[in-house]
Amino acid sequence: MDGMYSETLAGLILDLLAEEPMSGFDLGRALAKRHGITFPDGEGLLYAALVQMEKAGWIDGSWTEGEPGIRRRLYRLPVLVSAGEESE
């Protein structure tokens, strides 16, 4: 992500995901409702931010099945393991 807008967007996404896992669509709706952020040229910036955040390890994404036959990518904060714990 590049620039202050993208950094602010990432912070808002992290705040929303701290509450609950969300799809990109739901994140877009929450950003519009809570912060008045809209994407007039489509949600490409939002999805680009999600891809970059996932690559950086800031968020985790997994495909889920929503309504019958509709797949969506659900994003959540990663589960952090403390230094004294072992991951399975």
C-alpha atoms as a PDB file:
ATOM      1  CA  MET A   1       0.000   0.000   0.000  1.00  0.00           C
ATOM      2  CA  ASP A   2       1.221   3.434  -0.757  1.00  0.00           C
ATOM      3  CA  GLY A   3       0.516   6.811   0.817  1.00  0.00           C
ATOM      4  CA  MET A   4      -1.344   8.133   3.816  1.00  0.00           C
ATOM      5  CA  TYR A   5      -4.796   7.187   2.479  1.00  0.00           C
ATOM      6  CA  SER A   6      -3.820   3.540   2.182  1.00  0.00           C
ATOM      7  CA  GLU A   7      -2.280   3.534   5.663  1.00  0.00           C
ATOM      8  CA  THR A   8      -5.444   5.075   7.085  1.00  0.00           C
ATOM      9  CA  LEU A   9      -7.552   2.546   5.185  1.00  0.00           C
ATOM     10  CA  ALA A  10      -5.456  -0.298   6.594  1.00  0.00           C
ATOM     11  CA  GLY A  11      -5.963   1.030  10.125  1.00  0.00           C
ATOM     12  CA  LEU A  12      -9.720   1.244   9.653  1.00  0.00           C
ATOM     13  CA  ILE A  13      -9.814  -2.285   8.220  1.00  0.00           C
ATOM     14  CA  LEU A  14      -7.844  -3.608  11.201  1.00  0.00           C
ATOM     15  CA  ASP A  15     -10.223  -1.847  13.606  1.00  0.00           C
ATOM     16  CA  LEU A  16     -13.246  -3.415  11.920  1.00  0.00           C
ATOM     17  CA  LEU A  17     -11.687  -6.883  11.837  1.00  0.00           C
ATOM     18  CA  ALA A  18     -10.853  -6.590  15.547  1.00  0.00           C
ATOM     19  CA  GLU A  19     -14.614  -6.697  16.115  1.00  0.00           C
ATOM     20  CA  GLU A  20     -15.422  -9.668  13.871  1.00  0.00           C
ATOM     21  CA  PRO A  21     -14.346 -11.433  10.664  1.00  0.00           C
ATOM     22  CA  MET A  22     -15.816  -9.839   7.529  1.00  0.00           C
ATOM     23  CA  SER A  23     -15.902 -10.309   3.785  1.00  0.00           C
ATOM     24  CA  GLY A  24     -14.555  -7.599   1.511  1.00  0.00           C
ATOM     25  CA  PHE A  25     -18.125  -6.663   0.627  1.00  0.00           C
ATOM     26  CA  ASP A  26     -19.077  -6.321   4.292  1.00  0.00           C
ATOM     27  CA  LEU A  27     -15.924  -4.309   4.991  1.00  0.00           C
ATOM     28  CA  GLY A  28     -16.862  -1.905   2.196  1.00  0.00           C
ATOM     29  CA  ARG A  29     -20.335  -1.457   3.646  1.00  0.00           C
ATOM     30  CA  ALA A  30     -18.980  -0.938   7.186  1.00  0.00           C
ATOM     31  CA  LEU A  31     -16.425   1.616   5.964  1.00  0.00           C
ATOM     32  CA  ALA A  32     -19.196   3.549   4.221  1.00  0.00           C
ATOM     33  CA  LYS A  33     -21.600   3.391   7.154  1.00  0.00           C
ATOM     34  CA  ARG A  34     -19.170   4.165   9.990  1.00  0.00           C
ATOM     35  CA  HIS A  35     -16.601   6.385   8.320  1.00  0.00           C
ATOM     36  CA  GLY A  36     -18.294   7.734   5.190  1.00  0.00           C
ATOM     37  CA  ILE A  37     -15.638   6.135   2.987  1.00  0.00           C
ATOM     38  CA  THR A  38     -16.910   5.202  -0.444  1.00  0.00           C
ATOM     39  CA  PHE A  39     -15.103   3.922  -3.503  1.00  0.00           C
ATOM     40  CA  PRO A  40     -16.490   5.885  -6.465  1.00  0.00           C
ATOM     41  CA  ASP A  41     -14.367   3.974  -8.984  1.00  0.00           C
ATOM     42  CA  GLY A  42     -15.367   0.613  -7.534  1.00  0.00           C
ATOM     43  CA  GLU A  43     -13.855  -1.256  -4.639  1.00  0.00           C
ATOM     44  CA  GLY A  44     -10.533  -1.990  -6.346  1.00  0.00           C
ATOM     45  CA  LEU A  45      -8.616   0.050  -3.773  1.00  0.00           C
ATOM     46  CA  LEU A  46     -10.239  -1.874  -0.919  1.00  0.00           C
ATOM     47  CA  TYR A  47      -9.471  -5.265  -2.441  1.00  0.00           C
ATOM     48  CA  ALA A  48      -5.906  -4.203  -3.301  1.00  0.00           C
ATOM     49  CA  ALA A  49      -5.436  -3.154   0.327  1.00  0.00           C
ATOM     50  CA  LEU A  50      -6.799  -6.503   1.550  1.00  0.00           C
ATOM     51  CA  VAL A  51      -4.432  -8.437  -0.732  1.00  0.00           C
ATOM     52  CA  GLN A  52      -1.429  -6.403   0.455  1.00  0.00           C
ATOM     53  CA  MET A  53      -2.421  -6.739   4.109  1.00  0.00           C
ATOM     54  CA  GLU A  54      -2.827 -10.499   3.721  1.00  0.00           C
ATOM     55  CA  LYS A  55       0.572 -10.830   1.998  1.00  0.00           C
ATOM     56  CA  ALA A  56       2.167  -8.823   4.830  1.00  0.00           C
ATOM     57  CA  GLY A  57       0.586 -11.147   7.415  1.00  0.00           C
ATOM     58  CA  TRP A  58      -1.574  -8.412   8.970  1.00  0.00           C
ATOM     59  CA  ILE A  59      -4.786 -10.316   8.210  1.00  0.00           C
ATOM     60  CA  ASP A  60      -5.807 -13.846   7.262  1.00  0.00           C
ATOM     61  CA  GLY A  61      -8.260 -14.643   4.490  1.00  0.00           C
ATOM     62  CA  SER A  62     -10.094 -17.861   3.746  1.00  0.00           C
ATOM     63  CA  TRP A  63     -12.776 -18.865   1.270  1.00  0.00           C
ATOM     64  CA  THR A  64     -16.153 -19.710   2.767  1.00  0.00           C
ATOM     65  CA  GLU A  65     -19.504 -20.666   1.334  1.00  0.00           C
ATOM     66  CA  GLY A  66     -22.194 -18.107   2.067  1.00  0.00           C
ATOM     67  CA  GLU A  67     -25.591 -18.449   0.485  1.00  0.00           C
ATOM     68  CA  PRO A  68     -25.910 -21.679  -1.471  1.00  0.00           C
ATOM     69  CA  GLY A  69     -23.332 -21.676  -4.226  1.00  0.00           C
ATOM     70  CA  ILE A  70     -21.861 -18.261  -3.344  1.00  0.00           C
ATOM     71  CA  ARG A  71     -18.255 -18.253  -2.203  1.00  0.00           C
ATOM     72  CA  ARG A  72     -16.707 -15.287  -0.470  1.00  0.00           C
ATOM     73  CA  ARG A  73     -13.373 -14.499   1.095  1.00  0.00           C
ATOM     74  CA  LEU A  74     -13.632 -13.940   4.822  1.00  0.00           C
ATOM     75  CA  TYR A  75     -10.936 -11.805   6.455  1.00  0.00           C
ATOM     76  CA  ARG A  76      -9.916 -11.898  10.113  1.00  0.00           C
ATOM     77  CA  LEU A  77      -7.028 -10.882  12.307  1.00  0.00           C
ATOM     78  CA  PRO A  78      -4.407 -13.622  12.604  1.00  0.00           C
ATOM     79  CA  VAL A  79      -4.214 -15.681  15.761  1.00  0.00           C
ATOM     80  CA  LEU A  80      -0.994 -14.731  17.476  1.00  0.00           C
ATOM     81  CA  VAL A  81       0.955 -17.334  19.426  1.00  0.00           C
ATOM     82  CA  SER A  82       3.052 -16.102  22.317  1.00  0.00           C
ATOM     83  CA  ALA A  83       6.725 -17.085  22.550  1.00  0.00           C
ATOM     84  CA  GLY A  84       6.017 -19.694  25.250  1.00  0.00           C
ATOM     85  CA  GLU A  85       3.312 -21.504  23.284  1.00  0.00           C
ATOM     86  CA  GLU A  86       3.775 -24.052  20.536  1.00  0.00           C
ATOM     87  CA  SER A  87       1.612 -24.030  17.447  1.00  0.00           C
ATOM     88  CA  GLU A  88       0.118 -27.275  16.226  1.00  0.00           C
END
